[in-house]
Amino acid sequence: MTSDLQTLSNILAGLDPEADGFELQADQLVIGLDPMLGDAVCQPIFKFFEDHPLSYAGAPGTFIHHIETFYPAYVPALMQSVDRCPSVNTLLMANRILNSRDCGPQLRSEFLRLLQSVSESQTCEPDLVEHASRYFHRHTNP
């Protein structure tokens, strides 16, 4: 059982989201998490996404589904992650929140601002710019 955040971070640092068997490793890792860690597990997982920004890592996959059980507690950390280093997974999570019924006007505005920023970025990977642009246009052009 993974009982602390440093152990979780170390395990995540050793995972390759492109390797065969990654999804099984992710499933086993999440199953083994100490429930007492609660939403604190979101930060190391967001760091993993940032370290592998172009990897789908099972998107949405085990990690995203696990983080989403902590809604809305993880939202500020998600926003910081997208702002710091967008990834396929964090952009997908932003889109999923925008798709949800729980997304109020202020939250919607904040996520749209983040997506627009990534979609206009000159420094982000082109694939991430494309993802952000597609999500931004989906939610601003009905």
N, C-alpha and C. Protein backbone atom coordinates (compact mmCIF):
# COMPACT_ATOMS: atom_id res chain seq x y z
N MET A 1 0.85 -1.18 0.00
CA MET A 1 0.00 0.00 0.00
C MET A 1 0.90 1.24 0.00
N THR A 2 0.54 2.20 -0.83
CA THR A 2 1.26 3.47 -0.88
C THR A 2 0.69 4.37 0.21
N SER A 3 1.51 4.60 1.23
CA SER A 3 0.98 5.29 2.40
C SER A 3 1.42 6.73 2.53
N ASP A 4 2.32 7.21 1.66
CA ASP A 4 2.69 8.61 1.76
C ASP A 4 2.92 9.20 0.37
N LEU A 5 2.92 10.51 0.34
CA LEU A 5 3.00 11.20 -0.95
C LEU A 5 4.37 11.08 -1.59
N GLN A 6 5.43 11.01 -0.79
CA GLN A 6 6.78 10.86 -1.37
C GLN A 6 6.91 9.51 -2.05
N THR A 7 6.37 8.47 -1.42
CA THR A 7 6.40 7.15 -2.05
C THR A 7 5.61 7.17 -3.35
N LEU A 8 4.45 7.80 -3.33
CA LEU A 8 3.65 7.92 -4.54
C LEU A 8 4.43 8.66 -5.63
N SER A 9 5.04 9.76 -5.27
CA SER A 9 5.83 10.54 -6.24
C SER A 9 6.96 9.70 -6.83
N ASN A 10 7.63 8.94 -5.98
CA ASN A 10 8.73 8.09 -6.45
C ASN A 10 8.23 7.01 -7.41
N ILE A 11 7.12 6.41 -7.09
CA ILE A 11 6.56 5.38 -7.97
C ILE A 11 6.15 5.99 -9.30
N LEU A 12 5.48 7.14 -9.25
CA LEU A 12 5.06 7.81 -10.48
C LEU A 12 6.27 8.18 -11.34
N ALA A 13 7.35 8.62 -10.71
CA ALA A 13 8.55 9.01 -11.46
C ALA A 13 9.14 7.82 -12.22
N GLY A 14 8.89 6.62 -11.74
CA GLY A 14 9.40 5.42 -12.39
C GLY A 14 8.49 4.83 -13.45
N LEU A 15 7.30 5.40 -13.61
CA LEU A 15 6.35 4.87 -14.59
C LEU A 15 6.57 5.49 -15.97
N ASP A 16 6.39 4.67 -16.98
CA ASP A 16 6.45 5.14 -18.37
C ASP A 16 5.06 4.97 -18.97
N PRO A 17 4.37 6.09 -19.21
CA PRO A 17 2.99 5.99 -19.71
C PRO A 17 2.89 5.41 -21.11
N GLU A 18 4.01 5.26 -21.79
CA GLU A 18 4.00 4.68 -23.14
C GLU A 18 4.35 3.19 -23.14
N ALA A 19 4.71 2.66 -21.99
CA ALA A 19 5.12 1.27 -21.89
C ALA A 19 3.93 0.32 -21.89
N ASP A 20 4.17 -0.87 -22.41
CA ASP A 20 3.15 -1.91 -22.31
C ASP A 20 2.88 -2.18 -20.84
N GLY A 21 1.65 -2.35 -20.50
CA GLY A 21 1.27 -2.65 -19.13
C GLY A 21 1.10 -1.42 -18.25
N PHE A 22 1.24 -0.23 -18.83
CA PHE A 22 1.10 0.99 -18.02
C PHE A 22 -0.26 1.06 -17.34
N GLU A 23 -1.33 0.78 -18.07
CA GLU A 23 -2.66 0.91 -17.49
C GLU A 23 -2.86 -0.03 -16.31
N LEU A 24 -2.31 -1.23 -16.40
CA LEU A 24 -2.38 -2.16 -15.28
C LEU A 24 -1.58 -1.63 -14.09
N GLN A 25 -0.40 -1.07 -14.35
CA GLN A 25 0.40 -0.48 -13.27
C GLN A 25 -0.37 0.67 -12.61
N ALA A 26 -1.00 1.51 -13.42
CA ALA A 26 -1.77 2.63 -12.88
C ALA A 26 -2.93 2.11 -12.03
N ASP A 27 -3.63 1.10 -12.53
CA ASP A 27 -4.74 0.52 -11.77
C ASP A 27 -4.25 -0.01 -10.42
N GLN A 28 -3.14 -0.74 -10.42
CA GLN A 28 -2.62 -1.31 -9.19
C GLN A 28 -2.17 -0.22 -8.23
N LEU A 29 -1.57 0.83 -8.77
CA LEU A 29 -1.12 1.92 -7.92
C LEU A 29 -2.31 2.60 -7.22
N VAL A 30 -3.34 2.89 -7.99
CA VAL A 30 -4.51 3.56 -7.40
C VAL A 30 -5.21 2.65 -6.39
N ILE A 31 -5.32 1.39 -6.69
CA ILE A 31 -5.94 0.45 -5.75
C ILE A 31 -5.16 0.40 -4.44
N GLY A 32 -3.84 0.54 -4.54
CA GLY A 32 -2.98 0.45 -3.37
C GLY A 32 -2.82 1.74 -2.59
N LEU A 33 -3.45 2.83 -3.04
CA LEU A 33 -3.31 4.10 -2.33
C LEU A 33 -4.01 4.06 -0.98
N ASP A 34 -3.36 4.61 0.01
CA ASP A 34 -3.96 4.73 1.33
C ASP A 34 -5.10 5.73 1.25
N PRO A 35 -6.32 5.34 1.57
CA PRO A 35 -7.45 6.28 1.50
C PRO A 35 -7.26 7.52 2.34
N MET A 36 -6.41 7.44 3.37
CA MET A 36 -6.16 8.59 4.22
C MET A 36 -5.43 9.72 3.48
N LEU A 37 -4.81 9.40 2.35
CA LEU A 37 -4.13 10.43 1.56
C LEU A 37 -5.13 11.39 0.93
N GLY A 38 -6.34 10.88 0.68
CA GLY A 38 -7.40 11.72 0.12
C GLY A 38 -6.96 12.46 -1.13
N ASP A 39 -7.39 13.72 -1.23
CA ASP A 39 -7.13 14.49 -2.45
C ASP A 39 -5.68 14.98 -2.55
N ALA A 40 -4.86 14.70 -1.55
CA ALA A 40 -3.44 15.06 -1.62
C ALA A 40 -2.73 14.30 -2.75
N VAL A 41 -3.33 13.19 -3.21
CA VAL A 41 -2.71 12.43 -4.30
C VAL A 41 -2.78 13.18 -5.64
N CYS A 42 -3.63 14.18 -5.71
CA CYS A 42 -3.79 14.90 -6.98
C CYS A 42 -2.51 15.60 -7.40
N GLN A 43 -1.83 16.24 -6.48
CA GLN A 43 -0.61 16.98 -6.82
C GLN A 43 0.44 16.08 -7.48
N PRO A 44 0.81 14.94 -6.90
CA PRO A 44 1.80 14.09 -7.56
C PRO A 44 1.33 13.56 -8.92
N ILE A 45 0.04 13.32 -9.05
CA ILE A 45 -0.46 12.84 -10.34
C ILE A 45 -0.42 13.96 -11.37
N PHE A 46 -0.77 15.19 -10.97
CA PHE A 46 -0.63 16.31 -11.90
C PHE A 46 0.83 16.50 -12.31
N LYS A 47 1.75 16.32 -11.38
CA LYS A 47 3.18 16.41 -11.69
C LYS A 47 3.56 15.34 -12.72
N PHE A 48 3.02 14.13 -12.56
CA PHE A 48 3.26 13.06 -13.53
C PHE A 48 2.77 13.48 -14.90
N PHE A 49 1.56 14.06 -14.97
CA PHE A 49 1.03 14.53 -16.24
C PHE A 49 1.94 15.61 -16.84
N GLU A 50 2.42 16.51 -16.00
CA GLU A 50 3.31 17.58 -16.48
C GLU A 50 4.63 17.01 -17.00
N ASP A 51 5.11 15.95 -16.36
CA ASP A 51 6.35 15.31 -16.81
C ASP A 51 6.19 14.57 -18.13
N HIS A 52 4.94 14.26 -18.48
CA HIS A 52 4.62 13.52 -19.72
C HIS A 52 3.49 14.25 -20.44
N PRO A 53 3.73 15.49 -20.85
CA PRO A 53 2.63 16.33 -21.35
C PRO A 53 1.94 15.82 -22.61
N LEU A 54 2.63 15.07 -23.43
CA LEU A 54 2.03 14.60 -24.68
C LEU A 54 1.50 13.18 -24.60
N SER A 55 1.65 12.55 -23.45
CA SER A 55 1.19 11.18 -23.29
C SER A 55 -0.28 11.15 -22.87
N TYR A 56 -1.00 10.26 -23.47
CA TYR A 56 -2.41 10.11 -23.10
C TYR A 56 -2.56 9.38 -21.77
N ALA A 57 -1.58 8.60 -21.39
CA ALA A 57 -1.58 7.90 -20.09
C ALA A 57 -2.94 7.27 -19.78
N GLY A 58 -3.55 6.68 -20.81
CA GLY A 58 -4.84 6.03 -20.64
C GLY A 58 -6.02 6.97 -20.67
N ALA A 59 -5.80 8.20 -21.07
CA ALA A 59 -6.83 9.26 -20.99
C ALA A 59 -8.19 8.76 -21.46
N PRO A 60 -9.24 8.91 -20.61
CA PRO A 60 -9.09 9.49 -19.30
C PRO A 60 -8.38 8.56 -18.32
N GLY A 61 -8.57 7.31 -18.36
CA GLY A 61 -7.78 6.37 -17.57
C GLY A 61 -7.95 6.46 -16.07
N THR A 62 -7.24 5.58 -15.41
CA THR A 62 -7.33 5.40 -13.97
C THR A 62 -6.99 6.66 -13.19
N PHE A 63 -5.91 7.35 -13.58
CA PHE A 63 -5.50 8.51 -12.81
C PHE A 63 -6.55 9.62 -12.85
N ILE A 64 -7.06 9.90 -14.03
CA ILE A 64 -8.08 10.95 -14.13
C ILE A 64 -9.35 10.54 -13.38
N HIS A 65 -9.78 9.31 -13.56
CA HIS A 65 -10.98 8.87 -12.86
C HIS A 65 -10.79 8.96 -11.34
N HIS A 66 -9.61 8.61 -10.86
CA HIS A 66 -9.37 8.69 -9.42
C HIS A 66 -9.40 10.14 -8.94
N ILE A 67 -8.71 11.02 -9.64
CA ILE A 67 -8.70 12.43 -9.25
C ILE A 67 -10.12 12.99 -9.23
N GLU A 68 -10.90 12.62 -10.23
CA GLU A 68 -12.25 13.18 -10.33
C GLU A 68 -13.15 12.79 -9.16
N THR A 69 -12.78 11.77 -8.40
CA THR A 69 -13.58 11.43 -7.22
C THR A 69 -13.47 12.51 -6.15
N PHE A 70 -12.50 13.40 -6.29
CA PHE A 70 -12.29 14.46 -5.30
C PHE A 70 -12.83 15.81 -5.75
N TYR A 71 -13.70 15.80 -6.77
CA TYR A 71 -14.27 17.06 -7.25
C TYR A 71 -15.09 17.70 -6.14
N PRO A 72 -14.99 18.97 -5.91
CA PRO A 72 -14.23 20.01 -6.61
C PRO A 72 -12.89 20.34 -5.96
N ALA A 73 -12.47 19.55 -4.96
CA ALA A 73 -11.26 19.89 -4.21
C ALA A 73 -10.02 20.02 -5.09
N TYR A 74 -9.95 19.24 -6.17
CA TYR A 74 -8.75 19.26 -7.01
C TYR A 74 -8.72 20.41 -8.02
N VAL A 75 -9.80 21.13 -8.18
CA VAL A 75 -9.90 22.15 -9.23
C VAL A 75 -8.79 23.20 -9.17
N PRO A 76 -8.49 23.78 -8.00
CA PRO A 76 -7.40 24.76 -7.98
C PRO A 76 -6.05 24.16 -8.42
N ALA A 77 -5.76 22.94 -8.00
CA ALA A 77 -4.51 22.29 -8.40
C ALA A 77 -4.50 22.01 -9.89
N LEU A 78 -5.65 21.64 -10.45
CA LEU A 78 -5.74 21.43 -11.89
C LEU A 78 -5.46 22.73 -12.64
N MET A 79 -6.06 23.80 -12.20
CA MET A 79 -5.84 25.09 -12.86
C MET A 79 -4.36 25.49 -12.81
N GLN A 80 -3.74 25.28 -11.66
CA GLN A 80 -2.32 25.59 -11.54
C GLN A 80 -1.49 24.73 -12.46
N SER A 81 -1.84 23.47 -12.58
CA SER A 81 -1.10 22.56 -13.45
C SER A 81 -1.23 22.97 -14.91
N VAL A 82 -2.44 23.30 -15.34
CA VAL A 82 -2.63 23.75 -16.73
C VAL A 82 -1.85 25.03 -16.98
N ASP A 83 -1.88 25.92 -16.03
CA ASP A 83 -1.16 27.19 -16.17
C ASP A 83 0.35 26.98 -16.19
N ARG A 84 0.83 26.07 -15.37
CA ARG A 84 2.27 25.81 -15.23
C ARG A 84 2.82 25.03 -16.42
N CYS A 85 2.15 23.94 -16.76
CA CYS A 85 2.65 23.05 -17.81
C CYS A 85 1.48 22.21 -18.32
N PRO A 86 0.75 22.71 -19.32
CA PRO A 86 -0.41 21.96 -19.80
C PRO A 86 0.00 20.58 -20.33
N SER A 87 -0.93 19.67 -20.24
CA SER A 87 -0.71 18.32 -20.75
C SER A 87 -2.00 17.83 -21.39
N VAL A 88 -1.89 16.79 -22.17
CA VAL A 88 -3.07 16.18 -22.79
C VAL A 88 -4.10 15.86 -21.71
N ASN A 89 -3.64 15.32 -20.59
CA ASN A 89 -4.56 14.89 -19.54
C ASN A 89 -5.19 16.05 -18.79
N THR A 90 -4.41 17.09 -18.46
CA THR A 90 -5.00 18.19 -17.71
C THR A 90 -5.94 19.01 -18.60
N LEU A 91 -5.62 19.12 -19.88
CA LEU A 91 -6.54 19.80 -20.80
C LEU A 91 -7.84 19.00 -20.94
N LEU A 92 -7.71 17.70 -21.01
CA LEU A 92 -8.91 16.84 -21.07
C LEU A 92 -9.75 17.02 -19.80
N MET A 93 -9.09 17.09 -18.65
CA MET A 93 -9.83 17.28 -17.40
C MET A 93 -10.56 18.62 -17.38
N ALA A 94 -9.91 19.66 -17.89
CA ALA A 94 -10.56 20.97 -17.97
C ALA A 94 -11.80 20.87 -18.86
N ASN A 95 -11.66 20.20 -19.98
CA ASN A 95 -12.80 20.01 -20.89
C ASN A 95 -13.93 19.23 -20.21
N ARG A 96 -13.57 18.20 -19.46
CA ARG A 96 -14.58 17.39 -18.79
C ARG A 96 -15.34 18.22 -17.76
N ILE A 97 -14.65 19.12 -17.07
CA ILE A 97 -15.33 20.00 -16.12
C ILE A 97 -16.26 20.95 -16.87
N LEU A 98 -15.79 21.50 -17.98
CA LEU A 98 -16.64 22.39 -18.78
C LEU A 98 -17.87 21.66 -19.31
N ASN A 99 -17.76 20.37 -19.54
CA ASN A 99 -18.89 19.56 -20.00
C ASN A 99 -19.88 19.24 -18.89
N SER A 100 -19.46 19.40 -17.64
CA SER A 100 -20.30 18.95 -16.53
C SER A 100 -21.37 19.97 -16.17
N ARG A 101 -22.38 19.49 -15.51
CA ARG A 101 -23.47 20.35 -15.05
C ARG A 101 -23.07 21.16 -13.83
N ASP A 102 -21.98 20.74 -13.18
CA ASP A 102 -21.53 21.41 -11.96
C ASP A 102 -20.66 22.63 -12.25
N CYS A 103 -20.42 22.92 -13.50
CA CYS A 103 -19.53 24.02 -13.87
C CYS A 103 -20.31 25.33 -13.91
N GLY A 104 -20.17 26.12 -12.85
CA GLY A 104 -20.84 27.41 -12.78
C GLY A 104 -20.16 28.45 -13.65
N PRO A 105 -20.76 29.62 -13.77
CA PRO A 105 -20.23 30.67 -14.66
C PRO A 105 -18.81 31.12 -14.34
N GLN A 106 -18.49 31.27 -13.05
CA GLN A 106 -17.14 31.73 -12.71
C GLN A 106 -16.10 30.66 -13.05
N LEU A 107 -16.37 29.42 -12.69
CA LEU A 107 -15.45 28.33 -12.99
C LEU A 107 -15.30 28.17 -14.50
N ARG A 108 -16.42 28.26 -15.19
CA ARG A 108 -16.40 28.17 -16.66
C ARG A 108 -15.49 29.24 -17.25
N SER A 109 -15.64 30.46 -16.77
CA SER A 109 -14.83 31.57 -17.25
C SER A 109 -13.34 31.33 -17.01
N GLU A 110 -13.02 30.82 -15.83
CA GLU A 110 -11.62 30.57 -15.49
C GLU A 110 -11.02 29.48 -16.38
N PHE A 111 -11.76 28.40 -16.61
CA PHE A 111 -11.25 27.33 -17.46
C PHE A 111 -11.16 27.79 -18.92
N LEU A 112 -12.11 28.56 -19.37
CA LEU A 112 -12.04 29.07 -20.74
C LEU A 112 -10.83 29.99 -20.92
N ARG A 113 -10.55 30.79 -19.90
CA ARG A 113 -9.36 31.65 -19.96
C ARG A 113 -8.08 30.81 -20.07
N LEU A 114 -8.00 29.74 -19.28
CA LEU A 114 -6.83 28.86 -19.35
C LEU A 114 -6.71 28.20 -20.72
N LEU A 115 -7.82 27.69 -21.23
CA LEU A 115 -7.78 27.04 -22.54
C LEU A 115 -7.39 28.03 -23.63
N GLN A 116 -7.93 29.23 -23.55
CA GLN A 116 -7.59 30.24 -24.55
C GLN A 116 -6.10 30.58 -24.47
N SER A 117 -5.59 30.69 -23.28
CA SER A 117 -4.17 31.00 -23.11
C SER A 117 -3.28 29.92 -23.74
N VAL A 118 -3.61 28.67 -23.51
CA VAL A 118 -2.83 27.58 -24.10
C VAL A 118 -3.01 27.57 -25.62
N SER A 119 -4.23 27.82 -26.08
CA SER A 119 -4.49 27.79 -27.53
C SER A 119 -3.76 28.90 -28.27
N GLU A 120 -3.39 29.96 -27.57
CA GLU A 120 -2.68 31.08 -28.19
C GLU A 120 -1.18 31.05 -27.88
N SER A 121 -0.73 30.03 -27.18
CA SER A 121 0.66 29.96 -26.75
C SER A 121 1.62 29.78 -27.93
N GLN A 122 2.72 30.48 -27.84
CA GLN A 122 3.80 30.33 -28.82
C GLN A 122 4.87 29.37 -28.32
N THR A 123 4.75 28.94 -27.07
CA THR A 123 5.79 28.09 -26.48
C THR A 123 5.33 26.66 -26.20
N CYS A 124 4.03 26.42 -26.16
CA CYS A 124 3.52 25.07 -25.91
C CYS A 124 3.72 24.20 -27.15
N GLU A 125 3.76 22.92 -26.90
CA GLU A 125 3.81 21.95 -28.00
C GLU A 125 2.59 22.14 -28.90
N PRO A 126 2.78 22.07 -30.22
CA PRO A 126 1.66 22.26 -31.14
C PRO A 126 0.47 21.34 -30.87
N ASP A 127 0.72 20.10 -30.46
CA ASP A 127 -0.39 19.19 -30.16
C ASP A 127 -1.23 19.70 -29.00
N LEU A 128 -0.58 20.28 -28.00
CA LEU A 128 -1.31 20.81 -26.85
C LEU A 128 -2.09 22.06 -27.23
N VAL A 129 -1.48 22.89 -28.07
CA VAL A 129 -2.18 24.08 -28.58
C VAL A 129 -3.44 23.64 -29.33
N GLU A 130 -3.31 22.59 -30.13
CA GLU A 130 -4.46 22.08 -30.89
C GLU A 130 -5.56 21.56 -29.97
N HIS A 131 -5.18 20.78 -28.97
CA HIS A 131 -6.17 20.27 -28.01
C HIS A 131 -6.90 21.42 -27.33
N ALA A 132 -6.13 22.37 -26.81
CA ALA A 132 -6.73 23.50 -26.09
C ALA A 132 -7.63 24.31 -27.01
N SER A 133 -7.19 24.52 -28.23
CA SER A 133 -7.98 25.28 -29.20
C SER A 133 -9.30 24.58 -29.51
N ARG A 134 -9.24 23.28 -29.70
CA ARG A 134 -10.44 22.50 -30.00
C ARG A 134 -11.43 22.57 -28.83
N TYR A 135 -10.92 22.39 -27.60
CA TYR A 135 -11.80 22.46 -26.44
C TYR A 135 -12.36 23.87 -26.26
N PHE A 136 -11.51 24.88 -26.44
CA PHE A 136 -11.96 26.26 -26.28
C PHE A 136 -13.08 26.57 -27.27
N HIS A 137 -12.87 26.21 -28.53
CA HIS A 137 -13.90 26.49 -29.55
C HIS A 137 -15.17 25.69 -29.32
N ARG A 138 -15.04 24.49 -28.82
CA ARG A 138 -16.22 23.67 -28.53
C ARG A 138 -17.11 24.35 -27.49
N HIS A 139 -16.49 25.03 -26.53
CA HIS A 139 -17.26 25.61 -25.43
C HIS A 139 -17.59 27.09 -25.65
N THR A 140 -17.08 27.69 -26.71
CA THR A 140 -17.40 29.09 -26.97
C THR A 140 -18.18 29.29 -28.26
N ASN A 141 -18.28 28.26 -29.07
CA ASN A 141 -19.04 28.32 -30.33
C ASN A 141 -20.08 27.21 -30.35
N PRO A 142 -21.25 27.49 -29.80
CA PRO A 142 -22.28 26.44 -29.69
C PRO A 142 -22.74 25.89 -31.01
